[in-house]
Amino acid sequence: MPPIHYQTQIQNIDHLGLVAGMCKELGIADHIDRRAPKVSNDWNVSNGESVVGMIINGLGFTGRAKVRSVLQY
C-alpha cells in the first residue's frame, strides 16, 4: 500500500482567534442584536455580526481570507 501524502497549509492569525472567542463568550453580537435588531430579511448578517467583523478587521485581520465588508445594510 503506497503512503498517503497530505498537503497542509498553516496560517498565523495571531491574537484574532482569541478576540473572536471573547466576542462570542461576551455575547457582543447578541447584545447588539437585542438593541438594534435586523429590520429586513434581505440582510445576510445581523448588526451584531457586522460589528464583530469590524472589530476583527480593525485589529488587523487583513490577510487573504479577510472578513468581507458588508456594502449594503
N, C-alpha and C. Protein backbone atom coordinates (compact mmCIF):
# COMPACT_ATOMS: atom_id res chain seq x y z
N MET A 1 0.85 -1.18 0.00
CA MET A 1 0.00 0.00 0.00
C MET A 1 0.89 1.25 0.00
N PRO A 2 0.72 2.15 -0.99
CA PRO A 2 1.58 3.34 -1.06
C PRO A 2 1.25 4.31 0.08
N PRO A 3 2.24 5.11 0.50
CA PRO A 3 1.99 6.07 1.58
C PRO A 3 1.04 7.19 1.12
N ILE A 4 0.27 7.70 2.03
CA ILE A 4 -0.67 8.79 1.74
C ILE A 4 0.02 10.11 2.07
N HIS A 5 -0.02 11.03 1.12
CA HIS A 5 0.59 12.34 1.32
C HIS A 5 -0.51 13.38 1.49
N TYR A 6 -0.40 14.16 2.53
CA TYR A 6 -1.37 15.22 2.79
C TYR A 6 -0.71 16.57 2.57
N GLN A 7 -1.47 17.48 2.01
CA GLN A 7 -0.98 18.84 1.85
C GLN A 7 -1.51 19.66 3.00
N THR A 8 -0.63 20.29 3.74
CA THR A 8 -1.01 21.06 4.92
C THR A 8 -0.69 22.53 4.68
N GLN A 9 -1.62 23.37 5.08
CA GLN A 9 -1.41 24.81 4.99
C GLN A 9 -1.64 25.40 6.37
N ILE A 10 -0.68 26.16 6.85
CA ILE A 10 -0.77 26.78 8.16
C ILE A 10 -0.86 28.28 7.98
N GLN A 11 -1.81 28.89 8.67
CA GLN A 11 -1.98 30.34 8.59
C GLN A 11 -1.93 30.90 10.00
N ASN A 12 -1.09 31.88 10.21
CA ASN A 12 -0.95 32.51 11.51
C ASN A 12 -1.98 33.62 11.65
N ILE A 13 -2.90 33.48 12.61
CA ILE A 13 -3.90 34.53 12.81
C ILE A 13 -3.66 35.28 14.11
N ASP A 14 -2.49 35.06 14.73
CA ASP A 14 -2.07 35.76 15.94
C ASP A 14 -3.16 35.75 17.00
N HIS A 15 -3.53 36.91 17.47
CA HIS A 15 -4.48 37.07 18.57
C HIS A 15 -5.94 37.08 18.13
N LEU A 16 -6.21 37.03 16.85
CA LEU A 16 -7.58 37.24 16.38
C LEU A 16 -8.53 36.11 16.73
N GLY A 17 -8.02 34.90 16.87
CA GLY A 17 -8.87 33.81 17.33
C GLY A 17 -9.32 34.06 18.76
N LEU A 18 -8.43 34.61 19.58
CA LEU A 18 -8.79 34.95 20.95
C LEU A 18 -9.83 36.06 20.98
N VAL A 19 -9.65 37.06 20.12
CA VAL A 19 -10.60 38.17 20.07
C VAL A 19 -11.98 37.68 19.64
N ALA A 20 -12.01 36.85 18.60
CA ALA A 20 -13.29 36.31 18.14
C ALA A 20 -13.94 35.45 19.23
N GLY A 21 -13.12 34.67 19.92
CA GLY A 21 -13.64 33.85 21.01
C GLY A 21 -14.20 34.69 22.15
N MET A 22 -13.53 35.78 22.49
CA MET A 22 -14.02 36.65 23.56
C MET A 22 -15.29 37.37 23.12
N CYS A 23 -15.36 37.78 21.87
CA CYS A 23 -16.59 38.41 21.38
C CYS A 23 -17.76 37.45 21.51
N LYS A 24 -17.51 36.17 21.20
CA LYS A 24 -18.57 35.17 21.31
C LYS A 24 -18.92 34.90 22.77
N GLU A 25 -17.89 34.77 23.62
CA GLU A 25 -18.12 34.48 25.03
C GLU A 25 -18.85 35.63 25.73
N LEU A 26 -18.52 36.86 25.37
CA LEU A 26 -19.18 38.02 25.97
C LEU A 26 -20.55 38.29 25.38
N GLY A 27 -20.85 37.65 24.25
CA GLY A 27 -22.15 37.82 23.63
C GLY A 27 -22.34 39.20 23.01
N ILE A 28 -21.27 39.75 22.47
CA ILE A 28 -21.31 41.10 21.90
C ILE A 28 -22.34 41.18 20.77
N ALA A 29 -22.29 40.24 19.85
CA ALA A 29 -23.23 40.27 18.71
C ALA A 29 -24.67 40.15 19.20
N ASP A 30 -24.91 39.25 20.15
CA ASP A 30 -26.27 39.07 20.67
C ASP A 30 -26.77 40.32 21.38
N HIS A 31 -25.89 40.96 22.14
CA HIS A 31 -26.27 42.19 22.86
C HIS A 31 -26.65 43.30 21.86
N ILE A 32 -25.83 43.44 20.83
CA ILE A 32 -26.11 44.47 19.82
C ILE A 32 -27.40 44.14 19.07
N ASP A 33 -27.60 42.86 18.76
CA ASP A 33 -28.82 42.46 18.04
C ASP A 33 -30.08 42.70 18.87
N ARG A 34 -29.98 42.58 20.18
CA ARG A 34 -31.15 42.89 21.03
C ARG A 34 -31.45 44.38 21.02
N ARG A 35 -30.41 45.21 20.97
CA ARG A 35 -30.59 46.67 20.98
C ARG A 35 -30.93 47.22 19.61
N ALA A 36 -30.39 46.59 18.58
CA ALA A 36 -30.60 47.08 17.20
C ALA A 36 -30.89 45.88 16.30
N PRO A 37 -32.11 45.34 16.35
CA PRO A 37 -32.42 44.14 15.55
C PRO A 37 -32.45 44.43 14.06
N LYS A 38 -32.33 43.35 13.27
CA LYS A 38 -32.42 43.48 11.82
C LYS A 38 -33.82 43.98 11.46
N VAL A 39 -33.89 44.83 10.47
CA VAL A 39 -35.19 45.34 10.02
C VAL A 39 -35.59 44.76 8.68
N SER A 40 -34.72 43.96 8.10
CA SER A 40 -35.01 43.37 6.80
C SER A 40 -34.45 41.95 6.74
N ASN A 41 -35.20 41.04 6.18
CA ASN A 41 -34.71 39.68 5.98
C ASN A 41 -33.79 39.57 4.77
N ASP A 42 -33.62 40.67 4.05
CA ASP A 42 -32.73 40.68 2.89
C ASP A 42 -31.26 40.75 3.32
N TRP A 43 -31.01 41.10 4.57
CA TRP A 43 -29.63 41.22 5.05
C TRP A 43 -29.06 39.84 5.31
N ASN A 44 -27.80 39.65 4.93
CA ASN A 44 -27.13 38.37 5.12
C ASN A 44 -26.56 38.22 6.52
N VAL A 45 -26.22 39.31 7.16
CA VAL A 45 -25.65 39.28 8.51
C VAL A 45 -26.42 40.24 9.40
N SER A 46 -26.38 39.98 10.70
CA SER A 46 -27.06 40.86 11.64
C SER A 46 -26.16 42.05 11.97
N ASN A 47 -26.73 43.02 12.66
CA ASN A 47 -25.95 44.19 13.08
C ASN A 47 -24.82 43.78 14.01
N GLY A 48 -25.11 42.85 14.91
CA GLY A 48 -24.08 42.38 15.84
C GLY A 48 -22.94 41.69 15.13
N GLU A 49 -23.26 40.84 14.16
CA GLU A 49 -22.21 40.16 13.39
C GLU A 49 -21.37 41.17 12.61
N SER A 50 -22.00 42.23 12.11
CA SER A 50 -21.26 43.27 11.39
C SER A 50 -20.28 43.96 12.31
N VAL A 51 -20.71 44.27 13.54
CA VAL A 51 -19.83 44.95 14.49
C VAL A 51 -18.66 44.05 14.88
N VAL A 52 -18.92 42.78 15.14
CA VAL A 52 -17.83 41.86 15.46
C VAL A 52 -16.85 41.77 14.29
N GLY A 53 -17.36 41.73 13.08
CA GLY A 53 -16.49 41.73 11.89
C GLY A 53 -15.64 42.99 11.81
N MET A 54 -16.23 44.13 12.15
CA MET A 54 -15.47 45.39 12.13
C MET A 54 -14.40 45.40 13.22
N ILE A 55 -14.70 44.82 14.38
CA ILE A 55 -13.71 44.73 15.45
C ILE A 55 -12.53 43.89 15.00
N ILE A 56 -12.81 42.73 14.42
CA ILE A 56 -11.74 41.85 13.97
C ILE A 56 -10.94 42.49 12.84
N ASN A 57 -11.61 43.13 11.88
CA ASN A 57 -10.89 43.83 10.81
C ASN A 57 -10.04 44.95 11.37
N GLY A 58 -10.58 45.69 12.34
CA GLY A 58 -9.84 46.80 12.92
C GLY A 58 -8.61 46.37 13.68
N LEU A 59 -8.59 45.13 14.15
CA LEU A 59 -7.43 44.63 14.89
C LEU A 59 -6.40 43.95 13.99
N GLY A 60 -6.59 44.05 12.69
CA GLY A 60 -5.54 43.62 11.79
C GLY A 60 -5.78 42.36 11.01
N PHE A 61 -6.99 41.83 10.94
CA PHE A 61 -7.24 40.64 10.15
C PHE A 61 -7.35 41.06 8.70
N THR A 62 -6.20 41.25 8.05
CA THR A 62 -6.19 41.79 6.70
C THR A 62 -5.53 40.84 5.70
N GLY A 63 -5.42 39.56 6.05
CA GLY A 63 -4.81 38.59 5.15
C GLY A 63 -5.71 38.28 3.97
N ARG A 64 -5.34 37.24 3.22
CA ARG A 64 -6.11 36.87 2.04
C ARG A 64 -7.53 36.44 2.37
N ALA A 65 -7.73 35.85 3.52
CA ALA A 65 -9.05 35.35 3.89
C ALA A 65 -9.75 36.33 4.84
N LYS A 66 -9.62 37.61 4.55
CA LYS A 66 -10.17 38.60 5.47
C LYS A 66 -11.69 38.56 5.51
N VAL A 67 -12.21 39.11 6.57
CA VAL A 67 -13.66 39.20 6.73
C VAL A 67 -14.18 40.14 5.65
N ARG A 68 -15.18 39.70 4.95
CA ARG A 68 -15.74 40.51 3.86
C ARG A 68 -16.49 41.71 4.40
N SER A 69 -16.34 42.83 3.76
CA SER A 69 -17.07 44.02 4.14
C SER A 69 -18.50 43.92 3.64
N VAL A 70 -19.42 44.41 4.42
CA VAL A 70 -20.83 44.41 4.04
C VAL A 70 -21.12 45.76 3.39
N LEU A 71 -21.43 45.75 2.11
CA LEU A 71 -21.61 47.00 1.38
C LEU A 71 -23.00 47.56 1.52
N GLN A 72 -23.99 46.70 1.69
CA GLN A 72 -25.37 47.18 1.75
C GLN A 72 -26.00 46.67 3.03
N TYR A 73 -26.58 47.58 3.80
CA TYR A 73 -27.21 47.19 5.07
C TYR A 73 -28.70 47.17 4.91
